[in-house]
Amino acid sequence: ATCFILPSLVEPFGIAYVEAAAHGLPSIATATGGTEDSVGPGGILVDPLDDLAILDAMRDMCDPAVAARLGEVARRRSDLFTWDAVLGRLLRALDLPDVPGLPEFL
C-alpha cells in the first residue's frame, strides 16, 4: 500500500490512522474531530465534503518521494501513541512519576 485513506465525516480520534502510521503508511484524512492530532504532519488533511481535495491528495500520494517522506514522518510520529508513551504523558500530567504497582494495562 502507498497510503491509508479514511475520509470520515466524524472521527473522534482516529486510531486507525495511528495503526497505519506504525507501518509507515501516510494517511489521507478528513479534517474533522481528532484526526489532526492522530495524523499530524504524517499525512494530508482535507475537507470531508471536498471530493476534489481528496482526489488532489491521492494524486500527491502517487509521487513516491512524497509518500515515502510522509510515511517516514508518520512512522516516527506513531511512537507518540504507544501505550508506554501515553502512560508516561498521563503520569506526568497527574504528577505521579513511576508509581509501583500500577496495572500493566495502564
PDB file of N, CA and C in Angstrom:
ATOM      1  N   ALA A   1       0.834  -1.186   0.000  1.00  0.00           N
ATOM      2  CA  ALA A   1       0.000   0.000   0.000  1.00  0.00           C
ATOM      3  C   ALA A   1       0.879   1.250   0.000  1.00  0.00           C
ATOM      4  N   THR A   2       0.386   2.279  -0.618  1.00  0.00           N
ATOM      5  CA  THR A   2       1.097   3.554  -0.672  1.00  0.00           C
ATOM      6  C   THR A   2       0.672   4.467   0.458  1.00  0.00           C
ATOM      7  N   CYS A   3      -0.620   4.429   0.785  1.00  0.00           N
ATOM      8  CA  CYS A   3      -1.129   5.284   1.852  1.00  0.00           C
ATOM      9  C   CYS A   3      -2.427   4.692   2.391  1.00  0.00           C
ATOM     10  N   PHE A   4      -2.901   5.288   3.470  1.00  0.00           N
ATOM     11  CA  PHE A   4      -4.159   4.884   4.098  1.00  0.00           C
ATOM     12  C   PHE A   4      -5.142   6.027   3.923  1.00  0.00           C
ATOM     13  N   ILE A   5      -6.327   5.719   3.419  1.00  0.00           N
ATOM     14  CA  ILE A   5      -7.345   6.745   3.184  1.00  0.00           C
ATOM     15  C   ILE A   5      -8.599   6.384   3.974  1.00  0.00           C
ATOM     16  N   LEU A   6      -9.043   7.316   4.810  1.00  0.00           N
ATOM     17  CA  LEU A   6     -10.279   7.123   5.569  1.00  0.00           C
ATOM     18  C   LEU A   6     -10.989   8.476   5.631  1.00  0.00           C
ATOM     19  N   PRO A   7     -11.821   8.773   4.614  1.00  0.00           N
ATOM     20  CA  PRO A   7     -12.483  10.080   4.553  1.00  0.00           C
ATOM     21  C   PRO A   7     -13.742  10.142   5.415  1.00  0.00           C
ATOM     22  N   SER A   8     -13.554  10.144   6.713  1.00  0.00           N
ATOM     23  CA  SER A   8     -14.678  10.152   7.657  1.00  0.00           C
ATOM     24  C   SER A   8     -15.327  11.526   7.755  1.00  0.00           C
ATOM     25  N   LEU A   9     -16.628  11.516   7.962  1.00  0.00           N
ATOM     26  CA  LEU A   9     -17.322  12.768   8.262  1.00  0.00           C
ATOM     27  C   LEU A   9     -17.153  13.130   9.729  1.00  0.00           C
ATOM     28  N   VAL A  10     -17.036  12.124  10.593  1.00  0.00           N
ATOM     29  CA  VAL A  10     -16.834  12.333  12.023  1.00  0.00           C
ATOM     30  C   VAL A  10     -15.787  11.327  12.487  1.00  0.00           C
ATOM     31  N   GLU A  11     -14.793  11.799  13.209  1.00  0.00           N
ATOM     32  CA  GLU A  11     -13.743  10.920  13.714  1.00  0.00           C
ATOM     33  C   GLU A  11     -13.225  11.501  15.021  1.00  0.00           C
ATOM     34  N   PRO A  12     -13.592  10.906  16.168  1.00  0.00           N
ATOM     35  CA  PRO A  12     -13.179  11.472  17.458  1.00  0.00           C
ATOM     36  C   PRO A  12     -11.664  11.508  17.652  1.00  0.00           C
ATOM     37  N   PHE A  13     -10.966  10.464  17.231  1.00  0.00           N
ATOM     38  CA  PHE A  13      -9.506  10.453  17.358  1.00  0.00           C
ATOM     39  C   PHE A  13      -8.866   9.863  16.114  1.00  0.00           C
ATOM     40  N   GLY A  14      -9.190   8.667  15.773  1.00  0.00           N
ATOM     41  CA  GLY A  14      -8.636   8.059  14.573  1.00  0.00           C
ATOM     42  C   GLY A  14      -7.501   7.093  14.852  1.00  0.00           C
ATOM     43  N   ILE A  15      -7.738   6.092  15.680  1.00  0.00           N
ATOM     44  CA  ILE A  15      -6.698   5.113  15.992  1.00  0.00           C
ATOM     45  C   ILE A  15      -6.253   4.374  14.731  1.00  0.00           C
ATOM     46  N   ALA A  16      -7.141   4.230  13.752  1.00  0.00           N
ATOM     47  CA  ALA A  16      -6.762   3.553  12.508  1.00  0.00           C
ATOM     48  C   ALA A  16      -5.633   4.294  11.804  1.00  0.00           C
ATOM     49  N   TYR A  17      -5.615   5.624  11.902  1.00  0.00           N
ATOM     50  CA  TYR A  17      -4.524   6.392  11.301  1.00  0.00           C
ATOM     51  C   TYR A  17      -3.204   6.085  12.004  1.00  0.00           C
ATOM     52  N   VAL A  18      -3.242   5.969  13.313  1.00  0.00           N
ATOM     53  CA  VAL A  18      -2.036   5.666  14.092  1.00  0.00           C
ATOM     54  C   VAL A  18      -1.541   4.263  13.751  1.00  0.00           C
ATOM     55  N   GLU A  19      -2.460   3.317  13.598  1.00  0.00           N
ATOM     56  CA  GLU A  19      -2.071   1.957  13.238  1.00  0.00           C
ATOM     57  C   GLU A  19      -1.418   1.926  11.858  1.00  0.00           C
ATOM     58  N   ALA A  20      -1.971   2.662  10.908  1.00  0.00           N
ATOM     59  CA  ALA A  20      -1.357   2.740   9.581  1.00  0.00           C
ATOM     60  C   ALA A  20       0.023   3.379   9.674  1.00  0.00           C
ATOM     61  N   ALA A  21       0.123   4.441  10.454  1.00  0.00           N
ATOM     62  CA  ALA A  21       1.400   5.146  10.613  1.00  0.00           C
ATOM     63  C   ALA A  21       2.470   4.233  11.194  1.00  0.00           C
ATOM     64  N   ALA A  22       2.088   3.372  12.126  1.00  0.00           N
ATOM     65  CA  ALA A  22       3.050   2.452  12.736  1.00  0.00           C
ATOM     66  C   ALA A  22       3.673   1.528  11.692  1.00  0.00           C
ATOM     67  N   HIS A  23       2.987   1.358  10.571  1.00  0.00           N
ATOM     68  CA  HIS A  23       3.503   0.533   9.478  1.00  0.00           C
ATOM     69  C   HIS A  23       4.116   1.383   8.365  1.00  0.00           C
ATOM     70  N   GLY A  24       4.316   2.663   8.648  1.00  0.00           N
ATOM     71  CA  GLY A  24       4.961   3.540   7.681  1.00  0.00           C
ATOM     72  C   GLY A  24       4.063   4.061   6.585  1.00  0.00           C
ATOM     73  N   LEU A  25       2.755   3.967   6.796  1.00  0.00           N
ATOM     74  CA  LEU A  25       1.830   4.471   5.784  1.00  0.00           C
ATOM     75  C   LEU A  25       1.353   5.870   6.144  1.00  0.00           C
ATOM     76  N   PRO A  26       1.537   6.828   5.250  1.00  0.00           N
ATOM     77  CA  PRO A  26       0.947   8.141   5.481  1.00  0.00           C
ATOM     78  C   PRO A  26      -0.560   8.045   5.260  1.00  0.00           C
ATOM     79  N   SER A  27      -1.289   8.996   5.801  1.00  0.00           N
ATOM     80  CA  SER A  27      -2.748   8.970   5.689  1.00  0.00           C
ATOM     81  C   SER A  27      -3.270  10.152   4.898  1.00  0.00           C
ATOM     82  N   ILE A  28      -4.372   9.913   4.247  1.00  0.00           N
ATOM     83  CA  ILE A  28      -5.216  10.982   3.730  1.00  0.00           C
ATOM     84  C   ILE A  28      -6.440  10.947   4.631  1.00  0.00           C
ATOM     85  N   ALA A  29      -6.620  12.012   5.372  1.00  0.00           N
ATOM     86  CA  ALA A  29      -7.663  12.049   6.393  1.00  0.00           C
ATOM     87  C   ALA A  29      -8.471  13.326   6.254  1.00  0.00           C
ATOM     88  N   THR A  30      -9.667  13.281   6.780  1.00  0.00           N
ATOM     89  CA  THR A  30     -10.501  14.470   6.767  1.00  0.00           C
ATOM     90  C   THR A  30     -10.259  15.275   8.040  1.00  0.00           C
ATOM     91  N   ALA A  31     -10.289  16.571   7.888  1.00  0.00           N
ATOM     92  CA  ALA A  31     -10.007  17.487   9.000  1.00  0.00           C
ATOM     93  C   ALA A  31     -11.248  17.610   9.871  1.00  0.00           C
ATOM     94  N   THR A  32     -11.554  16.529  10.590  1.00  0.00           N
ATOM     95  CA  THR A  32     -12.702  16.507  11.489  1.00  0.00           C
ATOM     96  C   THR A  32     -12.285  15.889  12.811  1.00  0.00           C
ATOM     97  N   GLY A  33     -12.889  16.329  13.878  1.00  0.00           N
ATOM     98  CA  GLY A  33     -12.618  15.734  15.184  1.00  0.00           C
ATOM     99  C   GLY A  33     -11.149  15.735  15.539  1.00  0.00           C
ATOM    100  N   GLY A  34     -10.652  14.577  15.940  1.00  0.00           N
ATOM    101  CA  GLY A  34      -9.280  14.467  16.412  1.00  0.00           C
ATOM    102  C   GLY A  34      -8.280  13.994  15.385  1.00  0.00           C
ATOM    103  N   THR A  35      -8.666  13.965  14.113  1.00  0.00           N
ATOM    104  CA  THR A  35      -7.732  13.440  13.116  1.00  0.00           C
ATOM    105  C   THR A  35      -6.469  14.273  12.994  1.00  0.00           C
ATOM    106  N   GLU A  36      -6.573  15.566  13.196  1.00  0.00           N
ATOM    107  CA  GLU A  36      -5.366  16.396  13.116  1.00  0.00           C
ATOM    108  C   GLU A  36      -4.354  15.954  14.161  1.00  0.00           C
ATOM    109  N   ASP A  37      -4.838  15.558  15.340  1.00  0.00           N
ATOM    110  CA  ASP A  37      -3.939  15.086  16.390  1.00  0.00           C
ATOM    111  C   ASP A  37      -3.343  13.728  16.052  1.00  0.00           C
ATOM    112  N   SER A  38      -4.140  12.829  15.502  1.00  0.00           N
ATOM    113  CA  SER A  38      -3.627  11.489  15.236  1.00  0.00           C
ATOM    114  C   SER A  38      -2.793  11.420  13.961  1.00  0.00           C
ATOM    115  N   VAL A  39      -3.092  12.223  12.959  1.00  0.00           N
ATOM    116  CA  VAL A  39      -2.343  12.202  11.699  1.00  0.00           C
ATOM    117  C   VAL A  39      -1.166  13.166  11.745  1.00  0.00           C
ATOM    118  N   GLY A  40      -1.411  14.388  12.198  1.00  0.00           N
ATOM    119  CA  GLY A  40      -0.347  15.389  12.260  1.00  0.00           C
ATOM    120  C   GLY A  40       0.325  15.580  10.909  1.00  0.00           C
ATOM    121  N   PRO A  41       1.648  15.781  10.914  1.00  0.00           N
ATOM    122  CA  PRO A  41       2.364  16.013   9.663  1.00  0.00           C
ATOM    123  C   PRO A  41       2.655  14.725   8.885  1.00  0.00           C
ATOM    124  N   GLY A  42       2.118  13.596   9.346  1.00  0.00           N
ATOM    125  CA  GLY A  42       2.352  12.327   8.665  1.00  0.00           C
ATOM    126  C   GLY A  42       1.287  11.986   7.647  1.00  0.00           C
ATOM    127  N   GLY A  43       0.637  13.002   7.129  1.00  0.00           N
ATOM    128  CA  GLY A  43      -0.394  12.764   6.128  1.00  0.00           C
ATOM    129  C   GLY A  43      -0.931  14.064   5.583  1.00  0.00           C
ATOM    130  N   ILE A  44      -2.012  13.955   4.870  1.00  0.00           N
ATOM    131  CA  ILE A  44      -2.654  15.112   4.256  1.00  0.00           C
ATOM    132  C   ILE A  44      -4.081  15.186   4.792  1.00  0.00           C
ATOM    133  N   LEU A  45      -4.439  16.336   5.340  1.00  0.00           N
ATOM    134  CA  LEU A  45      -5.797  16.558   5.844  1.00  0.00           C
ATOM    135  C   LEU A  45      -6.607  17.323   4.804  1.00  0.00           C
ATOM    136  N   VAL A  46      -7.835  16.877   4.590  1.00  0.00           N
ATOM    137  CA  VAL A  46      -8.699  17.509   3.597  1.00  0.00           C
ATOM    138  C   VAL A  46     -10.080  17.756   4.194  1.00  0.00           C
ATOM    139  N   ASP A  47     -10.826  18.622   3.564  1.00  0.00           N
ATOM    140  CA  ASP A  47     -12.221  18.868   3.934  1.00  0.00           C
ATOM    141  C   ASP A  47     -13.025  17.618   3.569  1.00  0.00           C
ATOM    142  N   PRO A  48     -13.807  17.084   4.501  1.00  0.00           N
ATOM    143  CA  PRO A  48     -14.526  15.844   4.206  1.00  0.00           C
ATOM    144  C   PRO A  48     -15.582  15.967   3.108  1.00  0.00           C
ATOM    145  N   LEU A  49     -15.987  17.178   2.803  1.00  0.00           N
ATOM    146  CA  LEU A  49     -17.013  17.381   1.779  1.00  0.00           C
ATOM    147  C   LEU A  49     -16.433  17.838   0.447  1.00  0.00           C
ATOM    148  N   ASP A  50     -15.116  17.883   0.352  1.00  0.00           N
ATOM    149  CA  ASP A  50     -14.454  18.368  -0.859  1.00  0.00           C
ATOM    150  C   ASP A  50     -13.833  17.191  -1.614  1.00  0.00           C
ATOM    151  N   ASP A  51     -14.604  16.634  -2.536  1.00  0.00           N
ATOM    152  CA  ASP A  51     -14.133  15.479  -3.303  1.00  0.00           C
ATOM    153  C   ASP A  51     -12.863  15.786  -4.086  1.00  0.00           C
ATOM    154  N   LEU A  52     -12.765  16.997  -4.610  1.00  0.00           N
ATOM    155  CA  LEU A  52     -11.576  17.355  -5.388  1.00  0.00           C
ATOM    156  C   LEU A  52     -10.333  17.428  -4.509  1.00  0.00           C
ATOM    157  N   ALA A  53     -10.488  17.866  -3.270  1.00  0.00           N
ATOM    158  CA  ALA A  53      -9.345  17.899  -2.349  1.00  0.00           C
ATOM    159  C   ALA A  53      -8.867  16.481  -2.041  1.00  0.00           C
ATOM    160  N   ILE A  54      -9.804  15.559  -1.878  1.00  0.00           N
ATOM    161  CA  ILE A  54      -9.433  14.158  -1.646  1.00  0.00           C
ATOM    162  C   ILE A  54      -8.708  13.612  -2.874  1.00  0.00           C
ATOM    163  N   LEU A  55      -9.218  13.911  -4.058  1.00  0.00           N
ATOM    164  CA  LEU A  55      -8.574  13.475  -5.296  1.00  0.00           C
ATOM    165  C   LEU A  55      -7.173  14.071  -5.421  1.00  0.00           C
ATOM    166  N   ASP A  56      -7.028  15.363  -5.132  1.00  0.00           N
ATOM    167  CA  ASP A  56      -5.707  16.002  -5.189  1.00  0.00           C
ATOM    168  C   ASP A  56      -4.735  15.347  -4.216  1.00  0.00           C
ATOM    169  N   ALA A  57      -5.211  15.027  -3.015  1.00  0.00           N
ATOM    170  CA  ALA A  57      -4.352  14.366  -2.026  1.00  0.00           C
ATOM    171  C   ALA A  57      -3.921  12.993  -2.532  1.00  0.00           C
ATOM    172  N   MET A  58      -4.839  12.268  -3.168  1.00  0.00           N
ATOM    173  CA  MET A  58      -4.493  10.961  -3.731  1.00  0.00           C
ATOM    174  C   MET A  58      -3.451  11.111  -4.833  1.00  0.00           C
ATOM    175  N   ARG A  59      -3.598  12.132  -5.643  1.00  0.00           N
ATOM    176  CA  ARG A  59      -2.595  12.386  -6.694  1.00  0.00           C
ATOM    177  C   ARG A  59      -1.241  12.713  -6.079  1.00  0.00           C
ATOM    178  N   ASP A  60      -1.250  13.527  -5.020  1.00  0.00           N
ATOM    179  CA  ASP A  60       0.010  13.857  -4.343  1.00  0.00           C
ATOM    180  C   ASP A  60       0.699  12.601  -3.834  1.00  0.00           C
ATOM    181  N   MET A  61      -0.074  11.663  -3.291  1.00  0.00           N
ATOM    182  CA  MET A  61       0.498  10.429  -2.748  1.00  0.00           C
ATOM    183  C   MET A  61       1.024   9.504  -3.840  1.00  0.00           C
ATOM    184  N   CYS A  62       0.646   9.755  -5.091  1.00  0.00           N
ATOM    185  CA  CYS A  62       1.180   8.951  -6.197  1.00  0.00           C
ATOM    186  C   CYS A  62       2.646   9.262  -6.464  1.00  0.00           C
ATOM    187  N   ASP A  63       3.132  10.368  -5.941  1.00  0.00           N
ATOM    188  CA  ASP A  63       4.555  10.702  -6.057  1.00  0.00           C
ATOM    189  C   ASP A  63       5.298   9.878  -5.010  1.00  0.00           C
ATOM    190  N   PRO A  64       6.145   8.940  -5.426  1.00  0.00           N
ATOM    191  CA  PRO A  64       6.832   8.076  -4.460  1.00  0.00           C
ATOM    192  C   PRO A  64       7.637   8.846  -3.417  1.00  0.00           C
ATOM    193  N   ALA A  65       8.215   9.972  -3.800  1.00  0.00           N
ATOM    194  CA  ALA A  65       9.005  10.759  -2.843  1.00  0.00           C
ATOM    195  C   ALA A  65       8.106  11.357  -1.764  1.00  0.00           C
ATOM    196  N   VAL A  66       6.951  11.858  -2.151  1.00  0.00           N
ATOM    197  CA  VAL A  66       6.005  12.433  -1.182  1.00  0.00           C
ATOM    198  C   VAL A  66       5.502  11.346  -0.241  1.00  0.00           C
ATOM    199  N   ALA A  67       5.084  10.216  -0.799  1.00  0.00           N
ATOM    200  CA  ALA A  67       4.565   9.122   0.024  1.00  0.00           C
ATOM    201  C   ALA A  67       5.634   8.605   0.982  1.00  0.00           C
ATOM    202  N   ALA A  68       6.866   8.475   0.509  1.00  0.00           N
ATOM    203  CA  ALA A  68       7.950   7.978   1.372  1.00  0.00           C
ATOM    204  C   ALA A  68       8.263   8.968   2.486  1.00  0.00           C
ATOM    205  N   ARG A  69       8.321  10.259   2.147  1.00  0.00           N
ATOM    206  CA  ARG A  69       8.628  11.279   3.162  1.00  0.00           C
ATOM    207  C   ARG A  69       7.541  11.332   4.228  1.00  0.00           C
ATOM    208  N   LEU A  70       6.287  11.392   3.798  1.00  0.00           N
ATOM    209  CA  LEU A  70       5.182  11.439   4.758  1.00  0.00           C
ATOM    210  C   LEU A  70       5.071  10.127   5.537  1.00  0.00           C
ATOM    211  N   GLY A  71       5.368   9.014   4.882  1.00  0.00           N
ATOM    212  CA  GLY A  71       5.327   7.724   5.564  1.00  0.00           C
ATOM    213  C   GLY A  71       6.347   7.631   6.679  1.00  0.00           C
ATOM    214  N   GLU A  72       7.541   8.165   6.449  1.00  0.00           N
ATOM    215  CA  GLU A  72       8.568   8.147   7.500  1.00  0.00           C
ATOM    216  C   GLU A  72       8.175   9.071   8.648  1.00  0.00           C
ATOM    217  N   VAL A  73       7.628  10.231   8.329  1.00  0.00           N
ATOM    218  CA  VAL A  73       7.144  11.136   9.376  1.00  0.00           C
ATOM    219  C   VAL A  73       6.042  10.442  10.181  1.00  0.00           C
ATOM    220  N   ALA A  74       5.135   9.777   9.486  1.00  0.00           N
ATOM    221  CA  ALA A  74       4.035   9.073  10.157  1.00  0.00           C
ATOM    222  C   ALA A  74       4.572   7.974  11.070  1.00  0.00           C
ATOM    223  N   ARG A  75       5.540   7.191  10.567  1.00  0.00           N
ATOM    224  CA  ARG A  75       6.081   6.106  11.377  1.00  0.00           C
ATOM    225  C   ARG A  75       6.717   6.630  12.653  1.00  0.00           C
ATOM    226  N   ARG A  76       7.529   7.676  12.534  1.00  0.00           N
ATOM    227  CA  ARG A  76       8.161   8.262  13.732  1.00  0.00           C
ATOM    228  C   ARG A  76       7.101   8.837  14.673  1.00  0.00           C
ATOM    229  N   ARG A  77       6.098   9.479  14.109  1.00  0.00           N
ATOM    230  CA  ARG A  77       5.051  10.093  14.932  1.00  0.00           C
ATOM    231  C   ARG A  77       4.217   9.042  15.667  1.00  0.00           C
ATOM    232  N   SER A  78       4.078   7.868  15.098  1.00  0.00           N
ATOM    233  CA  SER A  78       3.271   6.826  15.747  1.00  0.00           C
ATOM    234  C   SER A  78       3.853   6.430  17.100  1.00  0.00           C
ATOM    235  N   ASP A  79       5.140   6.667  17.302  1.00  0.00           N
ATOM    236  CA  ASP A  79       5.761   6.378  18.603  1.00  0.00           C
ATOM    237  C   ASP A  79       5.137   7.203  19.730  1.00  0.00           C
ATOM    238  N   LEU A  80       4.524   8.325  19.396  1.00  0.00           N
ATOM    239  CA  LEU A  80       3.865   9.157  20.407  1.00  0.00           C
ATOM    240  C   LEU A  80       2.635   8.481  20.997  1.00  0.00           C
ATOM    241  N   PHE A  81       2.118   7.472  20.295  1.00  0.00           N
ATOM    242  CA  PHE A  81       0.851   6.871  20.684  1.00  0.00           C
ATOM    243  C   PHE A  81       0.982   5.437  21.187  1.00  0.00           C
ATOM    244  N   THR A  82       2.203   4.998  21.507  1.00  0.00           N
ATOM    245  CA  THR A  82       2.346   3.675  22.120  1.00  0.00           C
ATOM    246  C   THR A  82       1.775   3.739  23.532  1.00  0.00           C
ATOM    247  N   TRP A  83       1.453   2.572  24.087  1.00  0.00           N
ATOM    248  CA  TRP A  83       0.920   2.546  25.450  1.00  0.00           C
ATOM    249  C   TRP A  83       1.900   3.179  26.427  1.00  0.00           C
ATOM    250  N   ASP A  84       3.184   2.871  26.292  1.00  0.00           N
ATOM    251  CA  ASP A  84       4.178   3.438  27.207  1.00  0.00           C
ATOM    252  C   ASP A  84       4.243   4.957  27.101  1.00  0.00           C
ATOM    253  N   ALA A  85       4.203   5.469  25.878  1.00  0.00           N
ATOM    254  CA  ALA A  85       4.283   6.918  25.690  1.00  0.00           C
ATOM    255  C   ALA A  85       3.050   7.616  26.258  1.00  0.00           C
ATOM    256  N   VAL A  86       1.885   7.055  25.999  1.00  0.00           N
ATOM    257  CA  VAL A  86       0.646   7.656  26.505  1.00  0.00           C
ATOM    258  C   VAL A  86       0.614   7.598  28.028  1.00  0.00           C
ATOM    259  N   LEU A  87       1.016   6.463  28.601  1.00  0.00           N
ATOM    260  CA  LEU A  87       1.050   6.343  30.059  1.00  0.00           C
ATOM    261  C   LEU A  87       2.025   7.343  30.661  1.00  0.00           C
ATOM    262  N   GLY A  88       3.189   7.502  30.043  1.00  0.00           N
ATOM    263  CA  GLY A  88       4.158   8.472  30.550  1.00  0.00           C
ATOM    264  C   GLY A  88       3.590   9.876  30.582  1.00  0.00           C
ATOM    265  N   ARG A  89       2.896  10.263  29.514  1.00  0.00           N
ATOM    266  CA  ARG A  89       2.284  11.600  29.482  1.00  0.00           C
ATOM    267  C   ARG A  89       1.184  11.721  30.528  1.00  0.00           C
ATOM    268  N   LEU A  90       0.407  10.660  30.697  1.00  0.00           N
ATOM    269  CA  LEU A  90      -0.657  10.681  31.696  1.00  0.00           C
ATOM    270  C   LEU A  90      -0.083  10.820  33.102  1.00  0.00           C
ATOM    271  N   LEU A  91       0.951  10.049  33.412  1.00  0.00           N
ATOM    272  CA  LEU A  91       1.556  10.135  34.744  1.00  0.00           C
ATOM    273  C   LEU A  91       2.170  11.508  34.992  1.00  0.00           C
ATOM    274  N   ARG A  92       2.797  12.082  33.967  1.00  0.00           N
ATOM    275  CA  ARG A  92       3.352  13.437  34.126  1.00  0.00           C
ATOM    276  C   ARG A  92       2.234  14.447  34.357  1.00  0.00           C
ATOM    277  N   ALA A  93       1.134  14.285  33.629  1.00  0.00           N
ATOM    278  CA  ALA A  93       0.006  15.206  33.798  1.00  0.00           C
ATOM    279  C   ALA A  93      -0.602  15.077  35.186  1.00  0.00           C
ATOM    280  N   LEU A  94      -0.620  13.864  35.711  1.00  0.00           N
ATOM    281  CA  LEU A  94      -1.160  13.630  37.052  1.00  0.00           C
ATOM    282  C   LEU A  94      -0.116  13.846  38.135  1.00  0.00           C
ATOM    283  N   ASP A  95       1.117  14.072  37.705  1.00  0.00           N
ATOM    284  CA  ASP A  95       2.255  14.240  38.614  1.00  0.00           C
ATOM    285  C   ASP A  95       2.436  12.999  39.494  1.00  0.00           C
ATOM    286  N   LEU A  96       2.361  11.820  38.879  1.00  0.00           N
ATOM    287  CA  LEU A  96       2.561  10.545  39.563  1.00  0.00           C
ATOM    288  C   LEU A  96       3.729   9.810  38.898  1.00  0.00           C
ATOM    289  N   PRO A  97       4.946  10.197  39.185  1.00  0.00           N
ATOM    290  CA  PRO A  97       6.077   9.564  38.499  1.00  0.00           C
ATOM    291  C   PRO A  97       6.242   8.101  38.902  1.00  0.00           C
ATOM    292  N   ASP A  98       6.286   7.224  37.925  1.00  0.00           N
ATOM    293  CA  ASP A  98       6.583   5.796  38.098  1.00  0.00           C
ATOM    294  C   ASP A  98       6.018   5.199  39.375  1.00  0.00           C
ATOM    295  N   VAL A  99       4.727   5.084  39.446  1.00  0.00           N
ATOM    296  CA  VAL A  99       4.067   4.520  40.621  1.00  0.00           C
ATOM    297  C   VAL A  99       4.157   2.996  40.552  1.00  0.00           C
ATOM    298  N   PRO A 100       4.863   2.360  41.509  1.00  0.00           N
ATOM    299  CA  PRO A 100       4.924   0.896  41.504  1.00  0.00           C
ATOM    300  C   PRO A 100       3.537   0.308  41.750  1.00  0.00           C
ATOM    301  N   GLY A 101       3.266  -0.795  41.111  1.00  0.00           N
ATOM    302  CA  GLY A 101       2.006  -1.481  41.338  1.00  0.00           C
ATOM    303  C   GLY A 101       0.872  -1.045  40.429  1.00  0.00           C
ATOM    304  N   LEU A 102       1.121  -0.086  39.527  1.00  0.00           N
ATOM    305  CA  LEU A 102       0.063   0.273  38.579  1.00  0.00           C
ATOM    306  C   LEU A 102      -0.194  -0.921  37.668  1.00  0.00           C
ATOM    307  N   PRO A 103      -1.435  -1.189  37.356  1.00  0.00           N
ATOM    308  CA  PRO A 103      -1.718  -2.295  36.440  1.00  0.00           C
ATOM    309  C   PRO A 103      -0.987  -2.090  35.116  1.00  0.00           C
ATOM    310  N   GLU A 104      -0.520  -3.171  34.529  1.00  0.00           N
ATOM    311  CA  GLU A 104       0.249  -3.075  33.289  1.00  0.00           C
ATOM    312  C   GLU A 104      -0.560  -2.506  32.134  1.00  0.00           C
ATOM    313  N   PHE A 105      -1.884  -2.660  32.175  1.00  0.00           N
ATOM    314  CA  PHE A 105      -2.682  -2.159  31.057  1.00  0.00           C
ATOM    315  C   PHE A 105      -2.754  -0.642  31.033  1.00  0.00           C
ATOM    316  N   LEU A 106      -2.337   0.036  32.093  1.00  0.00           N
ATOM    317  CA  LEU A 106      -2.312   1.492  32.091  1.00  0.00           C
ATOM    318  C   LEU A 106      -1.047   1.945  31.438  1.00  0.00           C
TER     319      LEU A 106
END
